[in-house]
């Protein structure tokens, strides 16, 4: 996956996280985001964002990082 594709994934997960903040606390929001990723993202997309998060994930929002942790579980 190219760097541009990774940047798009980062932007998307951060947007999904921001759009679901109204669901309550960070834990609930992260669970909703992780469920969305499991349902709608291709395996390759999930693998890429997990790898990015495992190497620091500097551009991920805190909720996005929590969601990726839940995605890995």
C-alpha atoms as a PDB file:
ATOM      1  CA  UNK A   1       0.000   0.000   0.000  1.00  0.00           C
ATOM      2  CA  UNK A   2       1.327   3.402  -0.881  1.00  0.00           C
ATOM      3  CA  UNK A   3       1.956   6.234   1.550  1.00  0.00           C
ATOM      4  CA  UNK A   4      -1.040   8.070   0.082  1.00  0.00           C
ATOM      5  CA  UNK A   5      -3.272   5.073   0.733  1.00  0.00           C
ATOM      6  CA  UNK A   6      -2.058   4.930   4.341  1.00  0.00           C
ATOM      7  CA  UNK A   7      -2.758   8.643   4.755  1.00  0.00           C
ATOM      8  CA  UNK A   8      -6.292   8.035   3.465  1.00  0.00           C
ATOM      9  CA  UNK A   9      -6.810   5.240   6.017  1.00  0.00           C
ATOM     10  CA  UNK A  10      -5.569   7.481   8.829  1.00  0.00           C
ATOM     11  CA  UNK A  11      -7.898  10.253   7.723  1.00  0.00           C
ATOM     12  CA  UNK A  12     -10.840   7.848   7.472  1.00  0.00           C
ATOM     13  CA  UNK A  13     -10.399   6.242  10.885  1.00  0.00           C
ATOM     14  CA  UNK A  14      -9.963   9.632  12.547  1.00  0.00           C
ATOM     15  CA  UNK A  15     -13.141  10.876  10.819  1.00  0.00           C
ATOM     16  CA  UNK A  16     -15.088   7.780  11.865  1.00  0.00           C
ATOM     17  CA  UNK A  17     -13.900   8.321  15.438  1.00  0.00           C
ATOM     18  CA  UNK A  18     -14.835  12.015  15.394  1.00  0.00           C
ATOM     19  CA  UNK A  19     -18.264  11.263  13.907  1.00  0.00           C
ATOM     20  CA  UNK A  20     -19.066   8.839  16.725  1.00  0.00           C
ATOM     21  CA  UNK A  21     -18.019  10.941  19.723  1.00  0.00           C
ATOM     22  CA  UNK A  22     -21.661  11.511  20.621  1.00  0.00           C
ATOM     23  CA  UNK A  23     -22.005   7.878  21.751  1.00  0.00           C
ATOM     24  CA  UNK A  24     -20.485   8.570  25.129  1.00  0.00           C
ATOM     25  CA  UNK A  25     -17.109   7.851  26.598  1.00  0.00           C
ATOM     26  CA  UNK A  26     -13.943   6.937  24.708  1.00  0.00           C
ATOM     27  CA  UNK A  27     -14.323   3.219  25.397  1.00  0.00           C
ATOM     28  CA  UNK A  28     -17.823   3.047  23.904  1.00  0.00           C
ATOM     29  CA  UNK A  29     -16.794   5.136  20.916  1.00  0.00           C
ATOM     30  CA  UNK A  30     -13.701   2.996  20.294  1.00  0.00           C
ATOM     31  CA  UNK A  31     -15.847  -0.142  20.333  1.00  0.00           C
ATOM     32  CA  UNK A  32     -18.228   1.373  17.762  1.00  0.00           C
ATOM     33  CA  UNK A  33     -15.309   2.372  15.528  1.00  0.00           C
ATOM     34  CA  UNK A  34     -13.691  -1.077  15.820  1.00  0.00           C
ATOM     35  CA  UNK A  35     -17.001  -2.735  14.918  1.00  0.00           C
ATOM     36  CA  UNK A  36     -17.306  -0.471  11.873  1.00  0.00           C
ATOM     37  CA  UNK A  37     -13.799  -1.385  10.730  1.00  0.00           C
ATOM     38  CA  UNK A  38     -14.468  -5.107  11.203  1.00  0.00           C
ATOM     39  CA  UNK A  39     -17.631  -4.876   9.115  1.00  0.00           C
ATOM     40  CA  UNK A  40     -16.628  -2.531   6.334  1.00  0.00           C
ATOM     41  CA  UNK A  41     -12.862  -2.401   5.881  1.00  0.00           C
ATOM     42  CA  UNK A  42     -11.009  -4.916   3.729  1.00  0.00           C
ATOM     43  CA  UNK A  43      -8.557  -7.228   5.458  1.00  0.00           C
ATOM     44  CA  UNK A  44      -5.661  -5.380   3.812  1.00  0.00           C
ATOM     45  CA  UNK A  45      -6.911  -2.031   5.142  1.00  0.00           C
ATOM     46  CA  UNK A  46      -7.207  -3.399   8.676  1.00  0.00           C
ATOM     47  CA  UNK A  47      -3.738  -4.944   8.487  1.00  0.00           C
ATOM     48  CA  UNK A  48      -2.249  -1.658   7.294  1.00  0.00           C
ATOM     49  CA  UNK A  49      -3.802   0.450  10.068  1.00  0.00           C
ATOM     50  CA  UNK A  50      -2.826  -2.127  12.710  1.00  0.00           C
ATOM     51  CA  UNK A  51       0.758  -2.113  11.465  1.00  0.00           C
ATOM     52  CA  UNK A  52       0.797   1.681  11.487  1.00  0.00           C
ATOM     53  CA  UNK A  53      -0.536   1.786  15.055  1.00  0.00           C
ATOM     54  CA  UNK A  54       2.018  -0.788  16.207  1.00  0.00           C
ATOM     55  CA  UNK A  55       4.782   1.471  14.892  1.00  0.00           C
ATOM     56  CA  UNK A  56       3.644   4.496  16.869  1.00  0.00           C
ATOM     57  CA  UNK A  57       0.519   5.631  15.043  1.00  0.00           C
ATOM     58  CA  UNK A  58       1.467   9.267  15.573  1.00  0.00           C
ATOM     59  CA  UNK A  59      -1.383  10.688  13.481  1.00  0.00           C
ATOM     60  CA  UNK A  60      -4.137   8.566  15.030  1.00  0.00           C
ATOM     61  CA  UNK A  61      -6.500  10.218  17.474  1.00  0.00           C
ATOM     62  CA  UNK A  62      -6.652   8.654  20.948  1.00  0.00           C
ATOM     63  CA  UNK A  63     -10.007   7.055  20.141  1.00  0.00           C
ATOM     64  CA  UNK A  64      -8.673   5.722  16.852  1.00  0.00           C
ATOM     65  CA  UNK A  65      -5.758   4.136  18.715  1.00  0.00           C
ATOM     66  CA  UNK A  66      -8.175   2.484  21.149  1.00  0.00           C
ATOM     67  CA  UNK A  67     -10.284   1.261  18.239  1.00  0.00           C
ATOM     68  CA  UNK A  68      -7.261  -0.317  16.567  1.00  0.00           C
ATOM     69  CA  UNK A  69      -6.396  -2.075  19.841  1.00  0.00           C
ATOM     70  CA  UNK A  70      -9.925  -3.482  19.950  1.00  0.00           C
ATOM     71  CA  UNK A  71      -9.682  -4.428  16.279  1.00  0.00           C
ATOM     72  CA  UNK A  72      -6.586  -6.508  17.020  1.00  0.00           C
ATOM     73  CA  UNK A  73      -8.352  -8.423  19.809  1.00  0.00           C
END
